[in-house]
Amino acid sequence: MPSPDNTDELLSRGRGSKLFLAHPRAIAAFGRECNKRGLVPESIDIGGNRIPTWRGVPIFYLVTAYYSAAVLVPDALGVPENVEIGRWR
């Protein structure tokens, strides 16, 4: 993430992605890029909270800077390359 193009690329590589985990700044940058392009991501209700989605896949905030993942298959994680997250001014 943060652009819709990057997110589409991640979806095209996945095997039925069920959700995206992203830093709050990445999600904010994604929203700004969608606004620039005139795109409005849909949202869904999960437990009384509105969660943004892209192509039906929920985008959740990763709330910690430190995390780990157990990778059971080689393409379980998608990592965008050459993506810069800047501060909104």
N, C-alpha and C. Protein backbone atom coordinates (compact mmCIF):
# COMPACT_ATOMS: atom_id res chain seq x y z
N MET A 1 0.87 -1.13 0.00
CA MET A 1 0.00 0.00 0.00
C MET A 1 0.92 1.20 0.00
N PRO A 2 0.74 2.39 -0.37
CA PRO A 2 -0.47 3.13 -0.14
C PRO A 2 -1.32 3.44 -1.37
N SER A 3 -0.89 3.15 -2.59
CA SER A 3 -1.75 3.53 -3.71
C SER A 3 -2.71 2.39 -4.08
N PRO A 4 -3.82 2.74 -4.72
CA PRO A 4 -4.71 1.69 -5.20
C PRO A 4 -4.01 0.71 -6.14
N ASP A 5 -3.07 1.23 -6.95
CA ASP A 5 -2.33 0.34 -7.87
C ASP A 5 -1.50 -0.67 -7.10
N ASN A 6 -0.80 -0.20 -6.04
CA ASN A 6 -0.01 -1.12 -5.21
C ASN A 6 -0.90 -2.16 -4.55
N THR A 7 -2.05 -1.73 -4.09
CA THR A 7 -2.97 -2.63 -3.41
C THR A 7 -3.54 -3.66 -4.39
N ASP A 8 -3.86 -3.22 -5.61
CA ASP A 8 -4.32 -4.17 -6.63
C ASP A 8 -3.24 -5.19 -6.95
N GLU A 9 -1.98 -4.73 -7.00
CA GLU A 9 -0.88 -5.66 -7.27
C GLU A 9 -0.78 -6.71 -6.16
N LEU A 10 -0.91 -6.28 -4.90
CA LEU A 10 -0.87 -7.24 -3.80
C LEU A 10 -2.02 -8.23 -3.90
N LEU A 11 -3.20 -7.75 -4.24
CA LEU A 11 -4.36 -8.64 -4.38
C LEU A 11 -4.15 -9.64 -5.51
N SER A 12 -3.54 -9.19 -6.60
CA SER A 12 -3.35 -10.09 -7.75
C SER A 12 -2.34 -11.19 -7.45
N ARG A 13 -1.46 -10.97 -6.48
CA ARG A 13 -0.46 -11.97 -6.12
C ARG A 13 -0.96 -12.94 -5.06
N GLY A 14 -1.97 -12.54 -4.32
CA GLY A 14 -2.43 -13.35 -3.19
C GLY A 14 -3.29 -14.51 -3.61
N ARG A 15 -3.57 -15.31 -2.64
CA ARG A 15 -4.46 -16.45 -2.84
C ARG A 15 -5.72 -16.21 -2.04
N GLY A 16 -6.55 -15.32 -2.51
CA GLY A 16 -7.79 -15.04 -1.81
C GLY A 16 -7.56 -14.28 -0.51
N SER A 17 -6.86 -13.16 -0.58
CA SER A 17 -6.57 -12.37 0.62
C SER A 17 -7.85 -12.05 1.38
N LYS A 18 -7.80 -12.23 2.67
CA LYS A 18 -8.96 -11.98 3.53
C LYS A 18 -8.90 -10.62 4.19
N LEU A 19 -7.67 -10.04 4.33
CA LEU A 19 -7.53 -8.73 4.93
C LEU A 19 -6.14 -8.18 4.66
N PHE A 20 -6.03 -6.87 4.81
CA PHE A 20 -4.74 -6.18 4.76
C PHE A 20 -4.45 -5.67 6.15
N LEU A 21 -3.21 -5.79 6.59
CA LEU A 21 -2.75 -5.16 7.82
C LEU A 21 -1.79 -4.06 7.41
N ALA A 22 -2.01 -2.86 7.94
CA ALA A 22 -1.17 -1.73 7.55
C ALA A 22 -1.03 -0.75 8.69
N HIS A 23 0.06 0.00 8.66
CA HIS A 23 0.29 1.07 9.62
C HIS A 23 -0.74 2.17 9.37
N PRO A 24 -1.19 2.85 10.43
CA PRO A 24 -2.17 3.93 10.24
C PRO A 24 -1.74 4.98 9.21
N ARG A 25 -0.45 5.31 9.15
CA ARG A 25 0.01 6.28 8.15
C ARG A 25 -0.14 5.73 6.73
N ALA A 26 0.08 4.44 6.57
CA ALA A 26 -0.09 3.83 5.24
C ALA A 26 -1.55 3.89 4.83
N ILE A 27 -2.45 3.63 5.76
CA ILE A 27 -3.88 3.69 5.44
C ILE A 27 -4.29 5.12 5.13
N ALA A 28 -3.77 6.08 5.87
CA ALA A 28 -4.07 7.50 5.60
C ALA A 28 -3.54 7.89 4.22
N ALA A 29 -2.33 7.45 3.88
CA ALA A 29 -1.76 7.76 2.57
C ALA A 29 -2.59 7.11 1.47
N PHE A 30 -3.07 5.91 1.70
CA PHE A 30 -3.94 5.22 0.75
C PHE A 30 -5.21 6.04 0.52
N GLY A 31 -5.81 6.52 1.61
CA GLY A 31 -7.02 7.33 1.50
C GLY A 31 -6.78 8.62 0.72
N ARG A 32 -5.64 9.27 0.96
CA ARG A 32 -5.32 10.49 0.23
C ARG A 32 -5.15 10.21 -1.27
N GLU A 33 -4.49 9.11 -1.59
CA GLU A 33 -4.30 8.76 -3.00
C GLU A 33 -5.64 8.46 -3.66
N CYS A 34 -6.52 7.77 -2.94
CA CYS A 34 -7.87 7.51 -3.48
C CYS A 34 -8.59 8.84 -3.74
N ASN A 35 -8.49 9.78 -2.78
CA ASN A 35 -9.13 11.09 -2.95
C ASN A 35 -8.61 11.81 -4.18
N LYS A 36 -7.28 11.78 -4.39
CA LYS A 36 -6.68 12.43 -5.56
C LYS A 36 -7.26 11.88 -6.85
N ARG A 37 -7.55 10.58 -6.84
CA ARG A 37 -8.05 9.91 -8.05
C ARG A 37 -9.57 9.91 -8.15
N GLY A 38 -10.22 10.46 -7.14
CA GLY A 38 -11.68 10.48 -7.14
C GLY A 38 -12.31 9.13 -6.82
N LEU A 39 -11.56 8.26 -6.14
CA LEU A 39 -12.05 6.93 -5.76
C LEU A 39 -12.57 6.96 -4.34
N VAL A 40 -13.63 6.23 -4.09
CA VAL A 40 -14.20 6.15 -2.75
C VAL A 40 -14.21 4.69 -2.32
N PRO A 41 -13.25 4.28 -1.46
CA PRO A 41 -13.25 2.90 -0.99
C PRO A 41 -14.51 2.61 -0.17
N GLU A 42 -15.05 1.44 -0.34
CA GLU A 42 -16.20 1.05 0.46
C GLU A 42 -15.75 0.72 1.87
N SER A 43 -16.70 0.64 2.78
CA SER A 43 -16.39 0.21 4.14
C SER A 43 -17.44 -0.80 4.57
N ILE A 44 -17.06 -1.61 5.55
CA ILE A 44 -17.98 -2.61 6.09
C ILE A 44 -18.04 -2.44 7.60
N ASP A 45 -19.08 -2.99 8.19
CA ASP A 45 -19.25 -2.93 9.64
C ASP A 45 -18.73 -4.22 10.24
N ILE A 46 -17.77 -4.09 11.14
CA ILE A 46 -17.25 -5.25 11.87
C ILE A 46 -17.29 -4.90 13.34
N GLY A 47 -18.13 -5.56 14.08
CA GLY A 47 -18.24 -5.33 15.52
C GLY A 47 -18.62 -3.90 15.87
N GLY A 48 -19.44 -3.27 15.04
CA GLY A 48 -19.86 -1.90 15.30
C GLY A 48 -18.89 -0.84 14.84
N ASN A 49 -17.80 -1.24 14.20
CA ASN A 49 -16.81 -0.29 13.67
C ASN A 49 -16.84 -0.32 12.15
N ARG A 50 -16.74 0.85 11.54
CA ARG A 50 -16.66 0.94 10.09
C ARG A 50 -15.20 0.72 9.69
N ILE A 51 -14.95 -0.28 8.87
CA ILE A 51 -13.61 -0.65 8.44
C ILE A 51 -13.51 -0.39 6.93
N PRO A 52 -12.49 0.36 6.51
CA PRO A 52 -12.33 0.57 5.06
C PRO A 52 -11.96 -0.73 4.36
N THR A 53 -12.38 -0.84 3.12
CA THR A 53 -12.05 -2.02 2.32
C THR A 53 -11.53 -1.58 0.96
N TRP A 54 -10.83 -2.46 0.31
CA TRP A 54 -10.43 -2.25 -1.08
C TRP A 54 -10.75 -3.51 -1.83
N ARG A 55 -11.62 -3.39 -2.82
CA ARG A 55 -12.08 -4.53 -3.61
C ARG A 55 -12.68 -5.61 -2.70
N GLY A 56 -13.33 -5.16 -1.62
CA GLY A 56 -13.99 -6.07 -0.69
C GLY A 56 -13.11 -6.65 0.40
N VAL A 57 -11.81 -6.30 0.40
CA VAL A 57 -10.88 -6.82 1.40
C VAL A 57 -10.68 -5.76 2.48
N PRO A 58 -11.00 -6.08 3.74
CA PRO A 58 -10.85 -5.10 4.82
C PRO A 58 -9.40 -4.68 5.03
N ILE A 59 -9.21 -3.41 5.39
CA ILE A 59 -7.89 -2.86 5.68
C ILE A 59 -7.86 -2.53 7.16
N PHE A 60 -7.09 -3.28 7.92
CA PHE A 60 -7.01 -3.10 9.37
C PHE A 60 -5.73 -2.37 9.76
N TYR A 61 -5.83 -1.59 10.81
CA TYR A 61 -4.64 -0.93 11.36
C TYR A 61 -3.78 -1.92 12.10
N LEU A 62 -2.50 -1.86 11.82
CA LEU A 62 -1.51 -2.61 12.59
C LEU A 62 -1.09 -1.67 13.71
N VAL A 63 -1.41 -2.00 14.95
CA VAL A 63 -1.28 -1.03 16.04
C VAL A 63 0.06 -1.08 16.76
N THR A 64 0.94 -1.91 16.34
CA THR A 64 2.25 -1.98 16.97
C THR A 64 3.35 -1.90 15.93
N ALA A 65 4.47 -1.38 16.31
CA ALA A 65 5.60 -1.30 15.39
C ALA A 65 6.33 -2.64 15.31
N TYR A 66 6.11 -3.50 16.27
CA TYR A 66 6.80 -4.78 16.31
C TYR A 66 5.77 -5.91 16.19
N TYR A 67 5.98 -6.76 15.24
CA TYR A 67 5.05 -7.86 15.05
C TYR A 67 5.81 -9.02 14.42
N SER A 68 5.17 -10.17 14.42
CA SER A 68 5.77 -11.32 13.77
C SER A 68 4.67 -12.07 13.04
N ALA A 69 5.07 -12.87 12.09
CA ALA A 69 4.12 -13.65 11.33
C ALA A 69 4.72 -15.03 11.09
N ALA A 70 3.88 -16.04 11.23
CA ALA A 70 4.31 -17.40 10.90
C ALA A 70 3.95 -17.64 9.44
N VAL A 71 4.94 -17.76 8.61
CA VAL A 71 4.72 -17.93 7.18
C VAL A 71 4.76 -19.42 6.86
N LEU A 72 3.61 -19.94 6.46
CA LEU A 72 3.50 -21.37 6.19
C LEU A 72 3.64 -21.71 4.72
N VAL A 73 3.44 -20.72 3.86
CA VAL A 73 3.61 -20.92 2.43
C VAL A 73 4.44 -19.76 1.89
N PRO A 74 5.20 -19.96 0.81
CA PRO A 74 6.13 -18.93 0.33
C PRO A 74 5.49 -17.59 -0.01
N ASP A 75 4.25 -17.57 -0.52
CA ASP A 75 3.65 -16.31 -0.93
C ASP A 75 2.55 -15.83 0.03
N ALA A 76 2.70 -16.15 1.31
CA ALA A 76 1.68 -15.79 2.30
C ALA A 76 1.66 -14.30 2.60
N LEU A 77 2.81 -13.63 2.47
CA LEU A 77 2.89 -12.21 2.77
C LEU A 77 3.24 -11.44 1.51
N GLY A 78 2.59 -10.29 1.35
CA GLY A 78 2.94 -9.40 0.24
C GLY A 78 3.58 -8.15 0.80
N VAL A 79 4.71 -7.77 0.27
CA VAL A 79 5.41 -6.58 0.73
C VAL A 79 5.63 -5.67 -0.46
N PRO A 80 5.00 -4.48 -0.46
CA PRO A 80 5.22 -3.57 -1.58
C PRO A 80 6.65 -3.02 -1.55
N GLU A 81 7.23 -2.88 -2.72
CA GLU A 81 8.58 -2.34 -2.83
C GLU A 81 8.52 -0.96 -3.45
N ASN A 82 9.49 -0.13 -3.12
CA ASN A 82 9.60 1.23 -3.66
C ASN A 82 8.35 2.06 -3.37
N VAL A 83 7.80 1.91 -2.17
CA VAL A 83 6.65 2.70 -1.74
C VAL A 83 7.11 3.63 -0.64
N GLU A 84 6.81 4.91 -0.81
CA GLU A 84 7.20 5.90 0.18
C GLU A 84 5.97 6.47 0.85
N ILE A 85 6.00 6.50 2.16
CA ILE A 85 4.89 7.07 2.93
C ILE A 85 5.38 8.38 3.51
N GLY A 86 4.87 9.47 2.98
CA GLY A 86 5.27 10.79 3.45
C GLY A 86 4.24 11.36 4.40
N ARG A 87 4.58 12.49 4.97
CA ARG A 87 3.64 13.18 5.85
C ARG A 87 2.78 14.12 5.04
N TRP A 88 1.52 14.17 5.40
CA TRP A 88 0.57 15.07 4.75
C TRP A 88 0.85 16.49 5.22
N ARG A 89 0.93 17.43 4.31
CA ARG A 89 1.25 18.80 4.69
C ARG A 89 0.13 19.72 4.32
